[in-house]
């Protein structure tokens, strides 16, 4: 009984190795190819993937101390906060 089980396991193992070592069955038939549309951002094609467009609005609020600063200083601070806001939004979008 033990030798029968050992022979079965060995034959299955060698069969799996033989199948893994064989070259892929690629006949080069161009009929199997699918063209990817021009302008795709990621150049990735999947038969069952879905792409989404996410749109929304976000705002940033400067501290009250920026009320007396120049327009250039307020704009620089706002741009810095916008960058942080985009990182936070991107993190939540990729998590959920």
N, C-alpha and C. Protein backbone atom coordinates (compact mmCIF):
# COMPACT_ATOMS: atom_id res chain seq x y z
N UNK A 1 0.82 -1.19 0.00
CA UNK A 1 0.00 0.00 0.00
C UNK A 1 0.87 1.26 0.00
N UNK A 2 1.91 1.22 0.84
CA UNK A 2 2.79 2.37 0.94
C UNK A 2 3.56 2.57 -0.37
N UNK A 3 4.01 1.50 -1.00
CA UNK A 3 4.74 1.63 -2.26
C UNK A 3 3.84 2.09 -3.39
N UNK A 4 2.56 1.72 -3.35
CA UNK A 4 1.61 2.18 -4.36
C UNK A 4 1.41 3.68 -4.24
N UNK A 5 1.28 4.17 -3.03
CA UNK A 5 1.10 5.60 -2.79
C UNK A 5 2.35 6.36 -3.24
N UNK A 6 3.55 5.81 -2.94
CA UNK A 6 4.80 6.45 -3.34
C UNK A 6 4.92 6.49 -4.86
N UNK A 7 4.54 5.42 -5.53
CA UNK A 7 4.60 5.38 -6.99
C UNK A 7 3.64 6.38 -7.61
N UNK A 8 2.45 6.53 -7.01
CA UNK A 8 1.46 7.48 -7.51
C UNK A 8 1.96 8.91 -7.35
N UNK A 9 2.51 9.22 -6.17
CA UNK A 9 3.02 10.57 -5.93
C UNK A 9 4.17 10.89 -6.87
N UNK A 10 5.07 9.95 -7.06
CA UNK A 10 6.21 10.18 -7.96
C UNK A 10 5.76 10.37 -9.40
N UNK A 11 4.80 9.59 -9.84
CA UNK A 11 4.34 9.73 -11.22
C UNK A 11 3.64 11.06 -11.43
N UNK A 12 2.87 11.51 -10.44
CA UNK A 12 2.20 12.81 -10.57
C UNK A 12 3.23 13.94 -10.54
N UNK A 13 4.23 13.80 -9.68
CA UNK A 13 5.27 14.84 -9.60
C UNK A 13 6.06 14.95 -10.88
N UNK A 14 6.47 13.81 -11.46
CA UNK A 14 7.22 13.84 -12.71
C UNK A 14 6.35 14.33 -13.87
N UNK A 15 5.08 14.01 -13.84
CA UNK A 15 4.17 14.49 -14.89
C UNK A 15 4.01 16.00 -14.84
N UNK A 16 3.94 16.55 -13.62
CA UNK A 16 3.81 18.00 -13.47
C UNK A 16 5.08 18.70 -13.92
N UNK A 17 6.24 18.12 -13.60
CA UNK A 17 7.50 18.72 -14.03
C UNK A 17 7.66 18.67 -15.53
N UNK A 18 7.25 17.59 -16.13
CA UNK A 18 7.36 17.48 -17.59
C UNK A 18 6.48 18.51 -18.28
N UNK A 19 5.29 18.75 -17.74
CA UNK A 19 4.40 19.75 -18.33
C UNK A 19 4.91 21.15 -18.13
N UNK A 20 5.60 21.40 -17.00
CA UNK A 20 6.12 22.74 -16.73
C UNK A 20 7.34 23.05 -17.57
N UNK A 21 8.07 22.05 -18.00
CA UNK A 21 9.29 22.26 -18.77
C UNK A 21 9.04 22.35 -20.27
N UNK A 22 7.86 22.03 -20.71
CA UNK A 22 7.58 22.07 -22.14
C UNK A 22 7.40 23.51 -22.60
N UNK A 23 7.76 23.82 -23.86
CA UNK A 23 7.62 25.19 -24.35
C UNK A 23 6.13 25.53 -24.52
N UNK A 24 5.80 26.82 -24.42
CA UNK A 24 4.40 27.21 -24.58
C UNK A 24 3.91 26.94 -26.00
N UNK A 25 2.63 26.67 -26.11
CA UNK A 25 2.03 26.36 -27.41
C UNK A 25 1.63 27.66 -28.09
N UNK A 26 2.61 28.39 -28.60
CA UNK A 26 2.37 29.65 -29.29
C UNK A 26 2.56 29.42 -30.78
N UNK A 27 1.46 29.41 -31.50
CA UNK A 27 1.58 29.18 -32.93
C UNK A 27 1.74 30.48 -33.71
N UNK A 28 1.73 31.63 -33.01
CA UNK A 28 1.94 32.90 -33.67
C UNK A 28 0.79 33.34 -34.56
N UNK A 29 -0.39 32.84 -34.31
CA UNK A 29 -1.55 33.18 -35.12
C UNK A 29 -1.97 34.62 -34.84
N UNK A 30 -1.91 35.51 -35.84
CA UNK A 30 -2.30 36.90 -35.61
C UNK A 30 -3.79 37.07 -35.35
N UNK A 31 -4.59 36.08 -35.62
CA UNK A 31 -6.02 36.17 -35.37
C UNK A 31 -6.32 36.22 -33.88
N UNK A 32 -5.39 35.74 -33.04
CA UNK A 32 -5.59 35.76 -31.60
C UNK A 32 -5.24 37.10 -30.98
N UNK A 33 -4.58 37.99 -31.72
CA UNK A 33 -4.15 39.28 -31.19
C UNK A 33 -5.32 40.25 -31.12
N UNK A 34 -5.24 41.16 -30.14
CA UNK A 34 -6.24 42.21 -29.98
C UNK A 34 -5.51 43.53 -29.96
N UNK A 35 -5.95 44.49 -30.75
CA UNK A 35 -5.30 45.80 -30.81
C UNK A 35 -5.77 46.67 -29.66
N UNK A 36 -4.85 47.42 -29.08
CA UNK A 36 -5.16 48.37 -28.02
C UNK A 36 -5.38 49.72 -28.69
N UNK A 37 -6.45 50.40 -28.33
CA UNK A 37 -6.78 51.70 -28.93
C UNK A 37 -5.68 52.72 -28.67
N UNK A 38 -5.47 53.61 -29.65
CA UNK A 38 -4.51 54.69 -29.51
C UNK A 38 -4.97 55.63 -28.40
N UNK A 39 -4.01 56.16 -27.66
CA UNK A 39 -4.33 57.15 -26.65
C UNK A 39 -4.65 56.58 -25.28
N UNK A 40 -4.62 55.25 -25.14
CA UNK A 40 -4.84 54.71 -23.79
C UNK A 40 -3.68 55.14 -22.91
N UNK A 41 -3.99 55.66 -21.75
CA UNK A 41 -2.97 56.21 -20.87
C UNK A 41 -1.98 55.16 -20.38
N UNK A 42 -2.47 53.98 -20.05
CA UNK A 42 -1.60 53.00 -19.44
C UNK A 42 -1.17 51.88 -20.40
N UNK A 43 -1.71 51.86 -21.61
CA UNK A 43 -1.39 50.83 -22.60
C UNK A 43 -1.59 49.42 -22.05
N UNK A 44 -2.59 49.26 -21.23
CA UNK A 44 -2.91 47.96 -20.63
C UNK A 44 -4.25 47.51 -21.17
N UNK A 45 -4.34 46.28 -21.60
CA UNK A 45 -5.58 45.73 -22.13
C UNK A 45 -5.98 44.53 -21.31
N UNK A 46 -7.20 44.54 -20.83
CA UNK A 46 -7.74 43.41 -20.09
C UNK A 46 -9.15 43.17 -20.60
N UNK A 47 -9.49 41.91 -20.75
CA UNK A 47 -10.81 41.58 -21.25
C UNK A 47 -11.91 41.82 -20.22
N UNK A 48 -11.56 41.89 -18.93
CA UNK A 48 -12.59 42.05 -17.92
C UNK A 48 -12.34 43.22 -16.97
N UNK A 49 -11.39 44.10 -17.27
CA UNK A 49 -11.11 45.25 -16.41
C UNK A 49 -12.11 46.37 -16.70
N UNK A 50 -12.30 47.22 -15.72
CA UNK A 50 -13.20 48.37 -15.85
C UNK A 50 -12.41 49.61 -15.47
N UNK A 51 -12.53 50.66 -16.24
CA UNK A 51 -11.87 51.92 -15.93
C UNK A 51 -12.91 52.92 -15.47
N UNK A 52 -12.53 53.74 -14.51
CA UNK A 52 -13.43 54.73 -13.94
C UNK A 52 -12.81 56.11 -14.06
N UNK A 53 -13.66 57.12 -14.13
CA UNK A 53 -13.23 58.50 -14.05
C UNK A 53 -13.81 59.07 -12.77
N UNK A 54 -12.96 59.60 -11.94
CA UNK A 54 -13.37 60.15 -10.66
C UNK A 54 -13.26 61.65 -10.73
N UNK A 55 -14.35 62.32 -10.46
CA UNK A 55 -14.37 63.79 -10.47
C UNK A 55 -14.91 64.28 -9.14
N UNK A 56 -14.46 65.43 -8.74
CA UNK A 56 -14.95 65.99 -7.49
C UNK A 56 -14.36 67.36 -7.25
N UNK A 57 -14.72 67.93 -6.13
CA UNK A 57 -14.21 69.24 -5.74
C UNK A 57 -13.66 69.14 -4.33
N UNK A 58 -12.59 69.86 -4.10
CA UNK A 58 -12.00 69.94 -2.77
C UNK A 58 -11.60 71.39 -2.53
N UNK A 59 -11.46 71.75 -1.29
CA UNK A 59 -11.05 73.11 -0.97
C UNK A 59 -10.02 73.09 0.15
N UNK A 60 -9.23 74.14 0.19
CA UNK A 60 -8.29 74.33 1.28
C UNK A 60 -8.56 75.69 1.89
N UNK A 61 -8.31 75.82 3.18
CA UNK A 61 -8.53 77.08 3.89
C UNK A 61 -7.23 77.51 4.53
N UNK A 62 -6.84 78.74 4.23
CA UNK A 62 -5.62 79.27 4.82
C UNK A 62 -5.89 79.74 6.23
N UNK A 63 -4.85 79.71 7.03
CA UNK A 63 -4.93 80.20 8.40
C UNK A 63 -5.22 81.70 8.40
N UNK A 64 -5.84 82.20 9.43
CA UNK A 64 -6.19 83.62 9.52
C UNK A 64 -4.97 84.52 9.47
N UNK A 65 -3.81 84.00 9.83
CA UNK A 65 -2.59 84.82 9.80
C UNK A 65 -2.18 85.20 8.38
N UNK A 66 -2.70 84.52 7.38
CA UNK A 66 -2.37 84.84 5.99
C UNK A 66 -3.18 86.02 5.45
N UNK A 67 -4.11 86.56 6.23
CA UNK A 67 -4.93 87.68 5.77
C UNK A 67 -4.09 88.92 5.51
N UNK A 68 -3.00 89.08 6.23
CA UNK A 68 -2.17 90.27 6.05
C UNK A 68 -0.98 90.02 5.13
N UNK A 69 -0.84 88.84 4.61
CA UNK A 69 0.30 88.51 3.74
C UNK A 69 -0.01 88.93 2.31
N UNK A 70 1.02 88.93 1.47
CA UNK A 70 0.84 89.32 0.07
C UNK A 70 0.13 88.20 -0.70
N UNK A 71 -0.36 88.56 -1.88
CA UNK A 71 -1.05 87.57 -2.72
C UNK A 71 -0.12 86.42 -3.09
N UNK A 72 1.15 86.72 -3.37
CA UNK A 72 2.10 85.68 -3.74
C UNK A 72 2.32 84.70 -2.59
N UNK A 73 2.40 85.22 -1.37
CA UNK A 73 2.59 84.34 -0.21
C UNK A 73 1.36 83.47 0.04
N UNK A 74 0.19 84.08 -0.12
CA UNK A 74 -1.05 83.30 0.06
C UNK A 74 -1.17 82.22 -1.02
N UNK A 75 -0.81 82.56 -2.26
CA UNK A 75 -0.87 81.58 -3.35
C UNK A 75 0.12 80.44 -3.12
N UNK A 76 1.30 80.75 -2.66
CA UNK A 76 2.30 79.71 -2.39
C UNK A 76 1.82 78.78 -1.28
N UNK A 77 1.23 79.34 -0.24
CA UNK A 77 0.72 78.52 0.86
C UNK A 77 -0.46 77.67 0.39
N UNK A 78 -1.33 78.25 -0.43
CA UNK A 78 -2.48 77.50 -0.94
C UNK A 78 -2.02 76.35 -1.84
N UNK A 79 -1.04 76.58 -2.68
CA UNK A 79 -0.53 75.52 -3.56
C UNK A 79 0.08 74.39 -2.73
N UNK A 80 0.76 74.74 -1.66
CA UNK A 80 1.34 73.71 -0.79
C UNK A 80 0.22 72.89 -0.14
N UNK A 81 -0.82 73.55 0.34
CA UNK A 81 -1.94 72.84 0.96
C UNK A 81 -2.71 71.99 -0.06
N UNK A 82 -2.82 72.48 -1.30
CA UNK A 82 -3.50 71.71 -2.34
C UNK A 82 -2.76 70.41 -2.60
N UNK A 83 -1.43 70.46 -2.62
CA UNK A 83 -0.64 69.25 -2.80
C UNK A 83 -0.91 68.23 -1.70
N UNK A 84 -0.96 68.70 -0.46
CA UNK A 84 -1.25 67.80 0.66
C UNK A 84 -2.67 67.23 0.55
N UNK A 85 -3.61 68.06 0.13
CA UNK A 85 -5.01 67.62 0.00
C UNK A 85 -5.11 66.54 -1.07
N UNK A 86 -4.40 66.72 -2.18
CA UNK A 86 -4.43 65.72 -3.24
C UNK A 86 -3.83 64.39 -2.79
N UNK A 87 -2.78 64.45 -2.00
CA UNK A 87 -2.19 63.21 -1.47
C UNK A 87 -3.20 62.50 -0.58
N UNK A 88 -3.90 63.25 0.27
CA UNK A 88 -4.88 62.64 1.17
C UNK A 88 -6.04 62.02 0.38
N UNK A 89 -6.52 62.72 -0.62
CA UNK A 89 -7.62 62.18 -1.44
C UNK A 89 -7.17 60.94 -2.19
N UNK A 90 -5.98 60.99 -2.78
CA UNK A 90 -5.48 59.83 -3.53
C UNK A 90 -5.32 58.63 -2.61
N UNK A 91 -4.90 58.84 -1.38
CA UNK A 91 -4.74 57.73 -0.44
C UNK A 91 -6.09 57.07 -0.18
N UNK A 92 -7.13 57.89 0.09
CA UNK A 92 -8.45 57.30 0.37
C UNK A 92 -9.04 56.62 -0.87
N UNK A 93 -8.81 57.18 -2.04
CA UNK A 93 -9.35 56.58 -3.26
C UNK A 93 -8.71 55.21 -3.50
N UNK A 94 -7.41 55.10 -3.31
CA UNK A 94 -6.75 53.82 -3.55
C UNK A 94 -7.03 52.81 -2.45
N UNK A 95 -7.41 53.26 -1.27
CA UNK A 95 -7.73 52.32 -0.18
C UNK A 95 -9.11 51.72 -0.34
N UNK A 96 -10.03 52.48 -0.89
CA UNK A 96 -11.40 52.00 -1.02
C UNK A 96 -11.79 51.90 -2.46
